[in-house]
Amino acid sequence: LFRRCCLCARLPMLARGAKSLRASSLRPAGLRLASGVPARTPEQTEHLEKLAEEHNGFLFGEVPPPPGEKRKKEDWEYYYPPLMTSALALFLFTWLNQPLSSVEDEAMEEAKRRMGFEPDVHFKQ
């Protein structure tokens, strides 16, 4: 007669899954960190150390210029700060100058005005 929603139909399966999950979490499954992530193996550590040596430890792998020389900027670095600043200024201008009322509020006021509704007469505050 009544159709069950998909979540209600799956509740028994979810309950069985939760029971099996609880039972499996009680069994030791090897060394794991508190977050549930498996501990790092020596092979993974070796691989990560090799990657660190290749990427020299500097941000974006960019080596600082020799003393007395300036870093050469890329093309996008010239127009990024002014564009972001103007975008922030435009956002703040529009946010600070948004209307104080919504379209629905203005429509309600117009409807009350057309019906001859006087709030001071009908509702004493």
Foldseek 3Di string as FASTA:
>chain_A
DDDDDPCVVCVVVVVVVVVVVVVVVVDDDDDADPVRHHDDDPVNVVVVVVVCVVLVPDVVSDDADDPPDDDDDDPVVVCVVVVVVVVVVVVVVCVVPPDPDDPVVVVVVVVCVVVVNDCVVPPPD
